[in-house]
N, C-alpha and C. Protein backbone atom coordinates (compact mmCIF):
# COMPACT_ATOMS: atom_id res chain seq x y z
N UNK A 1 123.19 81.59 66.74
CA UNK A 1 124.31 82.33 67.33
C UNK A 1 123.82 83.25 68.44
N UNK A 2 122.67 83.92 68.20
CA UNK A 2 122.13 84.82 69.20
C UNK A 2 121.75 84.05 70.46
N UNK A 3 121.10 82.85 70.25
CA UNK A 3 120.71 82.02 71.38
C UNK A 3 121.94 81.54 72.15
N UNK A 4 122.99 81.18 71.43
CA UNK A 4 124.22 80.71 72.07
C UNK A 4 124.85 81.81 72.90
N UNK A 5 124.91 83.03 72.35
CA UNK A 5 125.47 84.16 73.08
C UNK A 5 124.65 84.46 74.33
N UNK A 6 123.31 84.37 74.18
CA UNK A 6 122.43 84.63 75.30
C UNK A 6 122.65 83.61 76.41
N UNK A 7 122.77 82.35 76.02
CA UNK A 7 122.98 81.29 77.01
C UNK A 7 124.30 81.48 77.73
N UNK A 8 125.34 81.85 76.99
CA UNK A 8 126.65 82.07 77.60
C UNK A 8 126.60 83.24 78.58
N UNK A 9 125.91 84.30 78.20
CA UNK A 9 125.78 85.47 79.07
C UNK A 9 124.98 85.12 80.32
N UNK A 10 123.91 84.36 80.14
CA UNK A 10 123.09 83.96 81.28
C UNK A 10 123.88 83.07 82.23
N UNK A 11 124.65 82.14 81.68
CA UNK A 11 125.46 81.25 82.51
C UNK A 11 126.51 82.03 83.29
N UNK A 12 127.16 82.98 82.63
CA UNK A 12 128.17 83.80 83.30
C UNK A 12 127.55 84.60 84.43
N UNK A 13 126.35 85.10 84.21
CA UNK A 13 125.65 85.86 85.25
C UNK A 13 125.34 84.98 86.46
N UNK A 14 124.88 83.76 86.19
CA UNK A 14 124.57 82.82 87.27
C UNK A 14 125.82 82.48 88.06
N UNK A 15 126.92 82.24 87.34
CA UNK A 15 128.18 81.90 88.00
C UNK A 15 128.65 83.06 88.89
N UNK A 16 128.55 84.27 88.39
CA UNK A 16 129.00 85.43 89.17
C UNK A 16 128.13 85.64 90.41
N UNK A 17 126.82 85.47 90.27
CA UNK A 17 125.93 85.60 91.43
C UNK A 17 126.27 84.53 92.47
N UNK A 18 126.53 83.31 91.99
CA UNK A 18 126.92 82.22 92.89
C UNK A 18 128.24 82.56 93.59
N UNK A 19 129.16 83.18 92.85
CA UNK A 19 130.45 83.56 93.44
C UNK A 19 130.26 84.61 94.54
N UNK A 20 129.41 85.59 94.29
CA UNK A 20 129.11 86.59 95.32
C UNK A 20 128.49 85.91 96.55
N UNK A 21 127.61 84.94 96.30
CA UNK A 21 127.00 84.22 97.41
C UNK A 21 128.04 83.46 98.23
N UNK A 22 128.97 82.82 97.54
CA UNK A 22 130.02 82.06 98.22
C UNK A 22 130.91 82.98 99.04
N UNK A 23 131.27 84.13 98.48
CA UNK A 23 132.12 85.09 99.20
C UNK A 23 131.40 85.61 100.44
N UNK A 24 130.10 85.93 100.30
CA UNK A 24 129.35 86.44 101.44
C UNK A 24 129.24 85.38 102.53
N UNK A 25 129.08 84.12 102.15
CA UNK A 25 129.00 83.03 103.13
C UNK A 25 130.32 82.88 103.89
N UNK A 26 131.42 82.88 103.16
CA UNK A 26 132.73 82.73 103.80
C UNK A 26 133.02 83.91 104.73
N UNK A 27 132.74 85.12 104.28
CA UNK A 27 132.98 86.30 105.13
C UNK A 27 132.11 86.27 106.37
N UNK A 28 130.89 85.77 106.21
CA UNK A 28 130.00 85.66 107.36
C UNK A 28 130.58 84.72 108.41
N UNK A 29 131.30 83.70 107.96
CA UNK A 29 131.86 82.73 108.89
C UNK A 29 133.13 83.23 109.57
N UNK A 30 133.93 84.00 108.86
CA UNK A 30 135.27 84.32 109.38
C UNK A 30 135.36 85.68 110.05
N UNK A 31 134.37 86.56 109.86
CA UNK A 31 134.43 87.88 110.48
C UNK A 31 133.12 88.13 111.24
N UNK A 32 133.22 88.27 112.55
CA UNK A 32 132.04 88.51 113.39
C UNK A 32 132.30 89.69 114.31
N UNK A 33 131.22 90.41 114.59
CA UNK A 33 131.26 91.46 115.61
C UNK A 33 130.09 91.23 116.56
N UNK A 34 130.25 90.34 117.55
CA UNK A 34 129.15 90.08 118.47
C UNK A 34 128.91 91.26 119.41
N UNK A 35 127.64 91.59 119.59
CA UNK A 35 127.22 92.63 120.54
C UNK A 35 126.03 92.07 121.31
N UNK A 36 126.24 91.75 122.58
CA UNK A 36 125.21 91.10 123.39
C UNK A 36 124.77 89.81 122.69
N UNK A 37 123.45 89.62 122.47
CA UNK A 37 122.99 88.42 121.79
C UNK A 37 122.89 88.61 120.27
N UNK A 38 123.33 89.76 119.79
CA UNK A 38 123.29 90.08 118.37
C UNK A 38 124.68 89.88 117.76
N UNK A 39 124.71 89.66 116.46
CA UNK A 39 125.99 89.49 115.76
C UNK A 39 125.99 90.30 114.48
N UNK A 40 127.03 91.07 114.29
CA UNK A 40 127.20 91.86 113.07
C UNK A 40 128.24 91.17 112.19
N UNK A 41 127.92 91.06 110.90
CA UNK A 41 128.89 90.54 109.93
C UNK A 41 128.78 91.36 108.66
N UNK A 42 129.58 91.03 107.66
CA UNK A 42 129.63 91.86 106.46
C UNK A 42 129.03 91.17 105.24
N UNK A 43 128.25 90.12 105.45
CA UNK A 43 127.66 89.45 104.29
C UNK A 43 126.71 90.36 103.52
N UNK A 44 126.02 91.27 104.24
CA UNK A 44 125.08 92.17 103.57
C UNK A 44 125.78 93.06 102.54
N UNK A 45 127.03 93.38 102.80
CA UNK A 45 127.79 94.22 101.87
C UNK A 45 127.97 93.52 100.54
N UNK A 46 128.40 92.26 100.57
CA UNK A 46 128.63 91.50 99.34
C UNK A 46 127.33 91.26 98.60
N UNK A 47 126.28 90.93 99.34
CA UNK A 47 124.98 90.68 98.73
C UNK A 47 124.43 91.95 98.08
N UNK A 48 124.62 93.08 98.73
CA UNK A 48 124.17 94.35 98.17
C UNK A 48 124.95 94.72 96.92
N UNK A 49 126.25 94.51 96.94
CA UNK A 49 127.06 94.75 95.74
C UNK A 49 126.57 93.89 94.58
N UNK A 50 126.24 92.63 94.87
CA UNK A 50 125.70 91.75 93.83
C UNK A 50 124.40 92.33 93.28
N UNK A 51 123.55 92.84 94.17
CA UNK A 51 122.29 93.44 93.73
C UNK A 51 122.50 94.68 92.89
N UNK A 52 123.50 95.48 93.22
CA UNK A 52 123.79 96.67 92.43
C UNK A 52 124.28 96.32 91.03
N UNK A 53 125.05 95.23 90.92
CA UNK A 53 125.57 94.81 89.61
C UNK A 53 124.55 94.03 88.79
N UNK A 54 123.80 93.15 89.45
CA UNK A 54 122.97 92.19 88.72
C UNK A 54 121.48 92.29 89.02
N UNK A 55 121.08 93.29 89.77
CA UNK A 55 119.67 93.53 89.98
C UNK A 55 119.16 93.07 91.34
N UNK A 56 118.03 93.64 91.80
CA UNK A 56 117.49 93.34 93.13
C UNK A 56 117.06 91.88 93.30
N UNK A 57 116.69 91.21 92.21
CA UNK A 57 116.29 89.81 92.33
C UNK A 57 117.46 88.95 92.80
N UNK A 58 118.67 89.25 92.32
CA UNK A 58 119.85 88.49 92.76
C UNK A 58 120.11 88.74 94.24
N UNK A 59 119.89 89.99 94.70
CA UNK A 59 120.06 90.31 96.12
C UNK A 59 119.05 89.56 96.97
N UNK A 60 117.82 89.49 96.50
CA UNK A 60 116.78 88.77 97.24
C UNK A 60 117.11 87.28 97.32
N UNK A 61 117.57 86.73 96.22
CA UNK A 61 117.92 85.32 96.18
C UNK A 61 119.03 85.00 97.18
N UNK A 62 120.09 85.79 97.18
CA UNK A 62 121.20 85.55 98.10
C UNK A 62 120.81 85.85 99.54
N UNK A 63 119.88 86.79 99.74
CA UNK A 63 119.42 87.10 101.09
C UNK A 63 118.75 85.90 101.75
N UNK A 64 118.20 85.02 100.93
CA UNK A 64 117.57 83.80 101.44
C UNK A 64 118.56 82.65 101.50
N UNK A 65 119.34 82.48 100.44
CA UNK A 65 120.22 81.31 100.33
C UNK A 65 121.35 81.34 101.35
N UNK A 66 122.01 82.49 101.52
CA UNK A 66 123.17 82.54 102.42
C UNK A 66 122.79 82.25 103.87
N UNK A 67 121.76 82.90 104.43
CA UNK A 67 121.36 82.53 105.80
C UNK A 67 120.88 81.08 105.90
N UNK A 68 120.24 80.58 104.85
CA UNK A 68 119.79 79.19 104.86
C UNK A 68 120.98 78.24 104.89
N UNK A 69 122.03 78.56 104.15
CA UNK A 69 123.25 77.75 104.18
C UNK A 69 123.90 77.78 105.56
N UNK A 70 123.84 78.95 106.20
CA UNK A 70 124.38 79.08 107.55
C UNK A 70 123.65 78.13 108.50
N UNK A 71 122.34 78.06 108.35
CA UNK A 71 121.55 77.17 109.22
C UNK A 71 121.82 75.71 108.90
N UNK A 72 121.82 75.36 107.62
CA UNK A 72 121.99 73.96 107.20
C UNK A 72 123.36 73.42 107.61
N UNK A 73 124.39 74.25 107.49
CA UNK A 73 125.75 73.80 107.81
C UNK A 73 126.06 73.86 109.30
N UNK A 74 125.08 74.25 110.11
CA UNK A 74 125.27 74.25 111.55
C UNK A 74 126.08 75.40 112.08
N UNK A 75 126.28 76.44 111.27
CA UNK A 75 127.07 77.58 111.71
C UNK A 75 126.24 78.61 112.48
N UNK A 76 124.93 78.42 112.49
CA UNK A 76 124.06 79.34 113.22
C UNK A 76 123.64 78.70 114.54
N UNK A 77 123.72 79.46 115.60
CA UNK A 77 123.33 78.97 116.92
C UNK A 77 121.95 79.47 117.32
N UNK A 78 121.29 80.20 116.43
CA UNK A 78 120.00 80.79 116.76
C UNK A 78 118.83 80.14 116.03
N UNK A 79 119.09 79.08 115.28
CA UNK A 79 118.02 78.31 114.66
C UNK A 79 117.14 79.10 113.72
N UNK A 80 115.84 78.78 113.75
CA UNK A 80 114.90 79.42 112.84
C UNK A 80 114.76 80.91 113.13
N UNK A 81 114.90 81.29 114.39
CA UNK A 81 114.84 82.71 114.75
C UNK A 81 115.93 83.49 114.01
N UNK A 82 117.16 82.98 114.09
CA UNK A 82 118.26 83.64 113.40
C UNK A 82 118.08 83.65 111.90
N UNK A 83 117.54 82.55 111.36
CA UNK A 83 117.31 82.47 109.92
C UNK A 83 116.33 83.55 109.47
N UNK A 84 115.22 83.65 110.15
CA UNK A 84 114.19 84.63 109.77
C UNK A 84 114.72 86.05 109.90
N UNK A 85 115.37 86.36 111.01
CA UNK A 85 115.87 87.72 111.23
C UNK A 85 116.98 88.06 110.25
N UNK A 86 117.83 87.08 109.93
CA UNK A 86 118.89 87.30 108.95
C UNK A 86 118.32 87.62 107.58
N UNK A 87 117.34 86.82 107.15
CA UNK A 87 116.73 87.03 105.84
C UNK A 87 116.07 88.39 105.77
N UNK A 88 115.31 88.74 106.79
CA UNK A 88 114.57 90.01 106.79
C UNK A 88 115.53 91.21 106.75
N UNK A 89 116.55 91.18 107.61
CA UNK A 89 117.47 92.30 107.68
C UNK A 89 118.28 92.47 106.41
N UNK A 90 118.81 91.35 105.91
CA UNK A 90 119.63 91.41 104.70
C UNK A 90 118.81 91.83 103.49
N UNK A 91 117.62 91.25 103.35
CA UNK A 91 116.76 91.58 102.21
C UNK A 91 116.32 93.04 102.25
N UNK A 92 115.97 93.52 103.44
CA UNK A 92 115.52 94.91 103.55
C UNK A 92 116.60 95.87 103.07
N UNK A 93 117.83 95.64 103.49
CA UNK A 93 118.92 96.54 103.09
C UNK A 93 119.30 96.36 101.63
N UNK A 94 119.58 95.14 101.22
CA UNK A 94 120.13 94.90 99.89
C UNK A 94 119.11 95.10 98.77
N UNK A 95 117.90 94.64 98.98
CA UNK A 95 116.89 94.73 97.92
C UNK A 95 116.44 96.18 97.72
N UNK A 96 116.19 96.88 98.81
CA UNK A 96 115.77 98.29 98.69
C UNK A 96 116.86 99.12 98.03
N UNK A 97 118.11 98.94 98.46
CA UNK A 97 119.22 99.68 97.87
C UNK A 97 119.36 99.41 96.38
N UNK A 98 119.38 98.13 96.00
CA UNK A 98 119.60 97.78 94.60
C UNK A 98 118.38 98.09 93.74
N UNK A 99 117.18 98.04 94.32
CA UNK A 99 115.97 98.37 93.56
C UNK A 99 115.95 99.84 93.17
N UNK A 100 116.29 100.71 94.10
CA UNK A 100 116.33 102.14 93.80
C UNK A 100 117.43 102.43 92.78
N UNK A 101 118.58 101.81 92.97
CA UNK A 101 119.70 102.04 92.04
C UNK A 101 119.40 101.52 90.64
N UNK A 102 118.60 100.47 90.55
CA UNK A 102 118.26 99.91 89.24
C UNK A 102 117.56 100.94 88.36
N UNK A 103 116.73 101.77 88.98
CA UNK A 103 115.96 102.75 88.21
C UNK A 103 116.59 104.13 88.20
N UNK A 104 117.67 104.29 88.96
CA UNK A 104 118.40 105.57 88.92
C UNK A 104 119.88 105.29 89.10
N UNK A 105 120.51 104.89 88.01
CA UNK A 105 121.92 104.50 88.07
C UNK A 105 122.80 105.74 87.98
N UNK A 106 122.96 106.37 89.11
CA UNK A 106 123.79 107.56 89.23
C UNK A 106 124.32 107.61 90.65
N UNK A 107 125.21 108.55 90.90
CA UNK A 107 125.75 108.70 92.25
C UNK A 107 124.64 109.06 93.23
N UNK A 108 123.76 109.97 92.82
CA UNK A 108 122.64 110.35 93.68
C UNK A 108 121.74 109.15 93.93
N UNK A 109 121.50 108.36 92.88
CA UNK A 109 120.68 107.17 93.04
C UNK A 109 121.29 106.19 94.01
N UNK A 110 122.61 106.05 93.97
CA UNK A 110 123.29 105.15 94.90
C UNK A 110 123.15 105.63 96.34
N UNK A 111 123.33 106.93 96.56
CA UNK A 111 123.21 107.49 97.91
C UNK A 111 121.78 107.34 98.43
N UNK A 112 120.81 107.68 97.58
CA UNK A 112 119.40 107.54 97.98
C UNK A 112 119.08 106.07 98.28
N UNK A 113 119.61 105.18 97.45
CA UNK A 113 119.38 103.76 97.66
C UNK A 113 119.97 103.27 98.97
N UNK A 114 121.20 103.68 99.27
CA UNK A 114 121.85 103.24 100.50
C UNK A 114 121.15 103.80 101.74
N UNK A 115 120.80 105.07 101.71
CA UNK A 115 120.10 105.67 102.85
C UNK A 115 118.74 104.99 103.04
N UNK A 116 118.05 104.74 101.94
CA UNK A 116 116.76 104.06 102.02
C UNK A 116 116.92 102.64 102.52
N UNK A 117 118.00 101.99 102.09
CA UNK A 117 118.26 100.63 102.55
C UNK A 117 118.51 100.57 104.05
N UNK A 118 119.28 101.54 104.56
CA UNK A 118 119.53 101.60 106.01
C UNK A 118 118.22 101.82 106.76
N UNK A 119 117.41 102.76 106.30
CA UNK A 119 116.14 103.05 106.96
C UNK A 119 115.20 101.84 106.92
N UNK A 120 115.15 101.17 105.77
CA UNK A 120 114.29 99.99 105.64
C UNK A 120 114.73 98.88 106.58
N UNK A 121 116.04 98.66 106.66
CA UNK A 121 116.54 97.60 107.53
C UNK A 121 116.24 97.90 108.99
N UNK A 122 116.47 99.14 109.42
CA UNK A 122 116.20 99.50 110.81
C UNK A 122 114.72 99.33 111.13
N UNK A 123 113.86 99.81 110.24
CA UNK A 123 112.41 99.72 110.47
C UNK A 123 111.95 98.26 110.55
N UNK A 124 112.42 97.45 109.60
CA UNK A 124 112.02 96.03 109.58
C UNK A 124 112.51 95.30 110.82
N UNK A 125 113.76 95.56 111.22
CA UNK A 125 114.31 94.86 112.38
C UNK A 125 113.64 95.31 113.67
N UNK A 126 113.27 96.57 113.79
CA UNK A 126 112.55 97.01 114.99
C UNK A 126 111.20 96.32 115.08
N UNK A 127 110.48 96.28 113.97
CA UNK A 127 109.15 95.68 113.96
C UNK A 127 109.20 94.19 114.28
N UNK A 128 110.11 93.48 113.64
CA UNK A 128 110.14 92.03 113.83
C UNK A 128 110.83 91.62 115.12
N UNK A 129 111.68 92.48 115.67
CA UNK A 129 112.18 92.19 117.02
C UNK A 129 111.04 92.21 118.02
N UNK A 130 110.11 93.12 117.85
CA UNK A 130 108.96 93.18 118.75
C UNK A 130 108.03 91.99 118.55
N UNK A 131 107.96 91.49 117.31
CA UNK A 131 107.06 90.38 117.01
C UNK A 131 107.65 89.02 117.33
N UNK A 132 108.96 88.85 117.09
CA UNK A 132 109.56 87.52 117.16
C UNK A 132 110.43 87.32 118.40
N UNK A 133 111.22 88.32 118.76
CA UNK A 133 112.19 88.15 119.85
C UNK A 133 111.56 87.72 121.18
N UNK A 134 110.37 88.23 121.57
CA UNK A 134 109.79 87.76 122.85
C UNK A 134 109.60 86.24 122.91
N UNK A 135 109.21 85.64 121.78
CA UNK A 135 109.00 84.20 121.77
C UNK A 135 110.33 83.45 121.81
N UNK A 136 111.32 83.97 121.11
CA UNK A 136 112.63 83.30 121.06
C UNK A 136 113.34 83.38 122.40
N UNK A 137 113.31 84.55 123.03
CA UNK A 137 114.06 84.77 124.27
C UNK A 137 113.24 84.48 125.53
N UNK A 138 111.96 84.24 125.35
CA UNK A 138 111.11 83.97 126.50
C UNK A 138 110.93 85.17 127.40
N UNK A 139 110.80 86.34 126.80
CA UNK A 139 110.62 87.57 127.56
C UNK A 139 109.34 88.26 127.09
N UNK A 140 108.98 89.31 127.78
CA UNK A 140 107.79 90.05 127.41
C UNK A 140 108.10 91.09 126.32
N UNK A 141 107.06 91.55 125.67
CA UNK A 141 107.23 92.60 124.66
C UNK A 141 107.80 93.87 125.31
N UNK A 142 107.37 94.14 126.54
CA UNK A 142 107.87 95.33 127.24
C UNK A 142 109.37 95.26 127.46
N UNK A 143 109.87 94.06 127.76
CA UNK A 143 111.31 93.90 127.95
C UNK A 143 112.08 94.12 126.65
N UNK A 144 111.50 93.67 125.55
CA UNK A 144 112.13 93.92 124.25
C UNK A 144 112.09 95.40 123.93
N UNK A 145 110.97 96.05 124.22
CA UNK A 145 110.85 97.49 123.99
C UNK A 145 111.92 98.26 124.77
N UNK A 146 112.24 97.78 125.95
CA UNK A 146 113.26 98.46 126.77
C UNK A 146 114.64 98.36 126.15
N UNK A 147 114.85 97.33 125.30
CA UNK A 147 116.14 97.15 124.64
C UNK A 147 116.29 98.02 123.39
N UNK A 148 115.19 98.55 122.89
CA UNK A 148 115.25 99.29 121.62
C UNK A 148 116.17 100.50 121.70
N UNK A 149 116.02 101.41 122.65
CA UNK A 149 116.89 102.60 122.65
C UNK A 149 118.34 102.32 123.04
N UNK A 150 118.57 101.26 123.82
CA UNK A 150 119.92 101.01 124.33
C UNK A 150 120.71 100.00 123.49
N UNK A 151 120.01 99.14 122.73
CA UNK A 151 120.72 98.09 121.98
C UNK A 151 120.19 97.89 120.56
N UNK A 152 118.92 97.57 120.43
CA UNK A 152 118.39 97.14 119.13
C UNK A 152 118.45 98.25 118.08
N UNK A 153 117.99 99.45 118.44
CA UNK A 153 118.02 100.54 117.46
C UNK A 153 119.44 100.98 117.12
N UNK A 154 120.30 101.28 118.12
CA UNK A 154 121.67 101.69 117.75
C UNK A 154 122.44 100.60 117.02
N UNK A 155 122.25 99.34 117.42
CA UNK A 155 122.95 98.25 116.75
C UNK A 155 122.58 98.20 115.27
N UNK A 156 121.29 98.21 114.96
CA UNK A 156 120.87 98.10 113.57
C UNK A 156 121.20 99.35 112.76
N UNK A 157 121.12 100.52 113.40
CA UNK A 157 121.49 101.75 112.70
C UNK A 157 122.97 101.75 112.36
N UNK A 158 123.80 101.35 113.32
CA UNK A 158 125.24 101.32 113.08
C UNK A 158 125.59 100.23 112.07
N UNK A 159 124.93 99.08 112.17
CA UNK A 159 125.16 98.02 111.20
C UNK A 159 124.84 98.49 109.79
N UNK A 160 123.69 99.15 109.63
CA UNK A 160 123.31 99.67 108.32
C UNK A 160 124.29 100.72 107.81
N UNK A 161 124.75 101.59 108.71
CA UNK A 161 125.71 102.62 108.32
C UNK A 161 127.04 102.01 107.91
N UNK A 162 127.49 100.99 108.65
CA UNK A 162 128.73 100.29 108.29
C UNK A 162 128.58 99.61 106.94
N UNK A 163 127.46 98.96 106.71
CA UNK A 163 127.20 98.32 105.41
C UNK A 163 127.25 99.35 104.28
N UNK A 164 126.57 100.48 104.51
CA UNK A 164 126.51 101.52 103.48
C UNK A 164 127.90 102.06 103.18
N UNK A 165 128.69 102.29 104.22
CA UNK A 165 130.05 102.79 104.01
C UNK A 165 130.91 101.82 103.23
N UNK A 166 130.81 100.54 103.56
CA UNK A 166 131.60 99.53 102.85
C UNK A 166 131.15 99.37 101.40
N UNK A 167 129.85 99.41 101.16
CA UNK A 167 129.35 99.33 99.78
C UNK A 167 129.84 100.52 98.97
N UNK A 168 129.73 101.71 99.56
CA UNK A 168 130.16 102.92 98.89
C UNK A 168 131.65 102.89 98.57
N UNK A 169 132.43 102.35 99.49
CA UNK A 169 133.88 102.28 99.31
C UNK A 169 134.27 101.27 98.23
N UNK A 170 133.57 100.15 98.17
CA UNK A 170 133.97 99.04 97.29
C UNK A 170 133.36 99.08 95.89
N UNK A 171 132.23 99.75 95.73
CA UNK A 171 131.47 99.59 94.48
C UNK A 171 132.26 99.96 93.23
N UNK A 172 132.79 101.15 93.17
CA UNK A 172 133.47 101.59 91.95
C UNK A 172 134.77 100.84 91.68
N UNK A 173 135.65 100.68 92.66
CA UNK A 173 136.87 99.90 92.39
C UNK A 173 136.57 98.47 91.95
N UNK A 174 135.58 97.83 92.61
CA UNK A 174 135.23 96.47 92.22
C UNK A 174 134.60 96.43 90.85
N UNK A 175 133.86 97.48 90.50
CA UNK A 175 133.28 97.57 89.16
C UNK A 175 134.37 97.54 88.10
N UNK A 176 135.45 98.30 88.36
CA UNK A 176 136.55 98.32 87.41
C UNK A 176 137.20 96.96 87.25
N UNK A 177 137.36 96.24 88.36
CA UNK A 177 137.94 94.90 88.30
C UNK A 177 137.06 93.96 87.49
N UNK A 178 135.76 93.99 87.75
CA UNK A 178 134.83 93.12 87.03
C UNK A 178 134.75 93.47 85.55
N UNK A 179 134.84 94.77 85.24
CA UNK A 179 134.80 95.18 83.84
C UNK A 179 136.04 94.69 83.10
N UNK A 180 137.20 94.83 83.72
CA UNK A 180 138.43 94.38 83.07
C UNK A 180 138.44 92.86 82.89
N UNK A 181 137.72 92.17 83.78
CA UNK A 181 137.63 90.72 83.66
C UNK A 181 136.55 90.29 82.68
N UNK A 182 135.82 91.26 82.11
CA UNK A 182 134.77 90.94 81.16
C UNK A 182 133.47 90.53 81.80
N UNK A 183 133.34 90.73 83.11
CA UNK A 183 132.13 90.31 83.81
C UNK A 183 131.03 91.38 83.76
N UNK A 184 131.41 92.62 83.47
CA UNK A 184 130.46 93.72 83.36
C UNK A 184 130.75 94.51 82.10
N UNK A 185 129.71 95.06 81.46
CA UNK A 185 129.96 95.94 80.31
C UNK A 185 130.60 97.23 80.77
N UNK A 186 131.36 97.90 79.90
CA UNK A 186 132.06 99.13 80.31
C UNK A 186 131.15 100.19 80.89
N UNK A 187 129.91 100.28 80.39
CA UNK A 187 128.99 101.30 80.88
C UNK A 187 128.61 101.10 82.33
N UNK A 188 128.79 99.85 82.84
CA UNK A 188 128.44 99.55 84.21
C UNK A 188 129.63 99.69 85.16
N UNK A 189 130.79 100.04 84.62
CA UNK A 189 131.98 99.93 85.46
C UNK A 189 133.00 101.03 85.23
N UNK A 190 132.51 102.22 85.02
CA UNK A 190 133.45 103.32 84.79
C UNK A 190 134.03 103.80 86.12
N UNK A 191 135.30 103.55 86.28
CA UNK A 191 135.97 103.96 87.52
C UNK A 191 136.99 105.02 87.17
N UNK A 192 136.71 106.24 87.58
CA UNK A 192 137.60 107.35 87.30
C UNK A 192 138.16 107.88 88.61
N UNK A 193 139.46 107.90 88.68
CA UNK A 193 140.12 108.36 89.90
C UNK A 193 140.23 109.88 89.82
N UNK A 194 139.17 110.56 90.29
CA UNK A 194 139.16 112.01 90.28
C UNK A 194 138.83 112.52 91.67
N UNK A 195 138.63 113.83 91.79
CA UNK A 195 138.40 114.43 93.09
C UNK A 195 137.15 113.87 93.76
N UNK A 196 136.07 113.69 92.98
CA UNK A 196 134.85 113.17 93.58
C UNK A 196 135.05 111.74 94.09
N UNK A 197 135.79 110.95 93.33
CA UNK A 197 136.07 109.58 93.76
C UNK A 197 136.83 109.57 95.08
N UNK A 198 137.83 110.45 95.18
CA UNK A 198 138.62 110.54 96.41
C UNK A 198 137.74 110.96 97.58
N UNK A 199 136.88 111.97 97.36
CA UNK A 199 136.01 112.46 98.42
C UNK A 199 135.00 111.40 98.86
N UNK A 200 134.45 110.67 97.88
CA UNK A 200 133.49 109.61 98.21
C UNK A 200 134.14 108.51 99.02
N UNK A 201 135.33 108.10 98.60
CA UNK A 201 136.03 107.04 99.32
C UNK A 201 136.46 107.52 100.71
N UNK A 202 136.83 108.78 100.83
CA UNK A 202 137.19 109.33 102.13
C UNK A 202 135.97 109.38 103.05
N UNK A 203 134.84 109.82 102.50
CA UNK A 203 133.61 109.88 103.29
C UNK A 203 133.18 108.48 103.73
N UNK A 204 133.33 107.51 102.85
CA UNK A 204 132.95 106.14 103.20
C UNK A 204 133.86 105.59 104.29
N UNK A 205 135.14 105.91 104.23
CA UNK A 205 136.07 105.47 105.28
C UNK A 205 135.71 106.10 106.63
N UNK A 206 135.27 107.36 106.60
CA UNK A 206 134.85 108.03 107.84
C UNK A 206 133.62 107.32 108.41
N UNK A 207 132.66 106.97 107.55
CA UNK A 207 131.47 106.24 108.00
C UNK A 207 131.85 104.90 108.61
N UNK A 208 132.76 104.20 107.95
CA UNK A 208 133.21 102.90 108.45
C UNK A 208 133.88 103.06 109.81
N UNK A 209 134.76 104.05 109.91
CA UNK A 209 135.48 104.28 111.16
C UNK A 209 134.55 104.63 112.31
N UNK A 210 133.61 105.53 112.06
CA UNK A 210 132.66 105.92 113.10
C UNK A 210 131.81 104.73 113.53
N UNK A 211 131.36 103.94 112.55
CA UNK A 211 130.52 102.78 112.85
C UNK A 211 131.26 101.77 113.72
N UNK A 212 132.51 101.48 113.37
CA UNK A 212 133.30 100.53 114.15
C UNK A 212 133.58 101.06 115.55
N UNK A 213 133.82 102.35 115.65
CA UNK A 213 134.06 102.96 116.96
C UNK A 213 132.84 102.79 117.86
N UNK A 214 131.66 103.07 117.31
CA UNK A 214 130.42 102.96 118.09
C UNK A 214 130.17 101.51 118.50
N UNK A 215 130.38 100.58 117.56
CA UNK A 215 130.15 99.16 117.87
C UNK A 215 131.07 98.69 118.99
N UNK A 216 132.34 99.04 118.90
CA UNK A 216 133.33 98.51 119.84
C UNK A 216 133.36 99.29 121.15
N UNK A 217 133.39 100.62 121.05
CA UNK A 217 133.58 101.44 122.25
C UNK A 217 132.27 101.77 122.97
N UNK A 218 131.20 101.91 122.21
CA UNK A 218 129.92 102.31 122.82
C UNK A 218 129.04 101.09 123.12
N UNK A 219 128.90 100.20 122.14
CA UNK A 219 128.02 99.04 122.32
C UNK A 219 128.73 97.84 122.93
N UNK A 220 130.06 97.92 123.05
CA UNK A 220 130.79 96.84 123.70
C UNK A 220 131.04 95.62 122.83
N UNK A 221 131.03 95.80 121.52
CA UNK A 221 131.29 94.69 120.62
C UNK A 221 132.79 94.42 120.49
N UNK A 222 133.12 93.30 119.86
CA UNK A 222 134.51 92.96 119.65
C UNK A 222 134.63 92.08 118.42
N UNK A 223 135.76 92.16 117.74
CA UNK A 223 135.99 91.32 116.57
C UNK A 223 136.25 89.89 116.99
N UNK A 224 135.64 88.98 116.26
CA UNK A 224 135.93 87.56 116.41
C UNK A 224 136.27 87.03 115.04
N UNK A 225 137.46 86.45 114.90
CA UNK A 225 137.93 85.94 113.61
C UNK A 225 137.88 84.41 113.62
N UNK A 226 137.50 83.84 112.51
CA UNK A 226 137.53 82.39 112.37
C UNK A 226 136.18 81.75 112.54
N UNK A 227 136.15 80.44 112.28
CA UNK A 227 134.90 79.70 112.29
C UNK A 227 134.43 79.47 113.73
């Protein structure tokens, strides 16, 4: 009986992780924010939420599988370059965030995890843009360096901030939905509509709004809907 219960729990966990992966893939296809040769999407948000619920290993797994599916299905126009940069950026944000939260499951732990995830993503993307982008774009390292203050750094910082705001906004309400559906134990999904919840959701909406304003009005991005 114990083995049967364990197998059922393990299967349900696998199915839920696969569902998060499918949702992140679909959202990646239908919602885009192109900025110059870069593209912002919200798949990192779903993958990070999966990591917060089911651990950093699930986030790492989806960080590889979802961009790989994008490449295999022909939805990526940047080939191996896009695949590598997608995996690195998504993994840096989602794995760092969920790893910190795994060992400190509290509001403070979530904030520290998200801030650390944003910093990790920005640092990784700056380093690998210098290493990989010159070969992909056929430019010099100096030319890529010139893009850092005007495009690469603000783009990745704003992308990370937008991701953090969306994760912060969605985590608790989605936890309640998953708990009521039996997908999470009650201890993992306590959603209390109190003053702190309202303030957190308001703060996250402000982060989201500021991020979108910077992307569209400052960096010249625009929404693109559909495949």
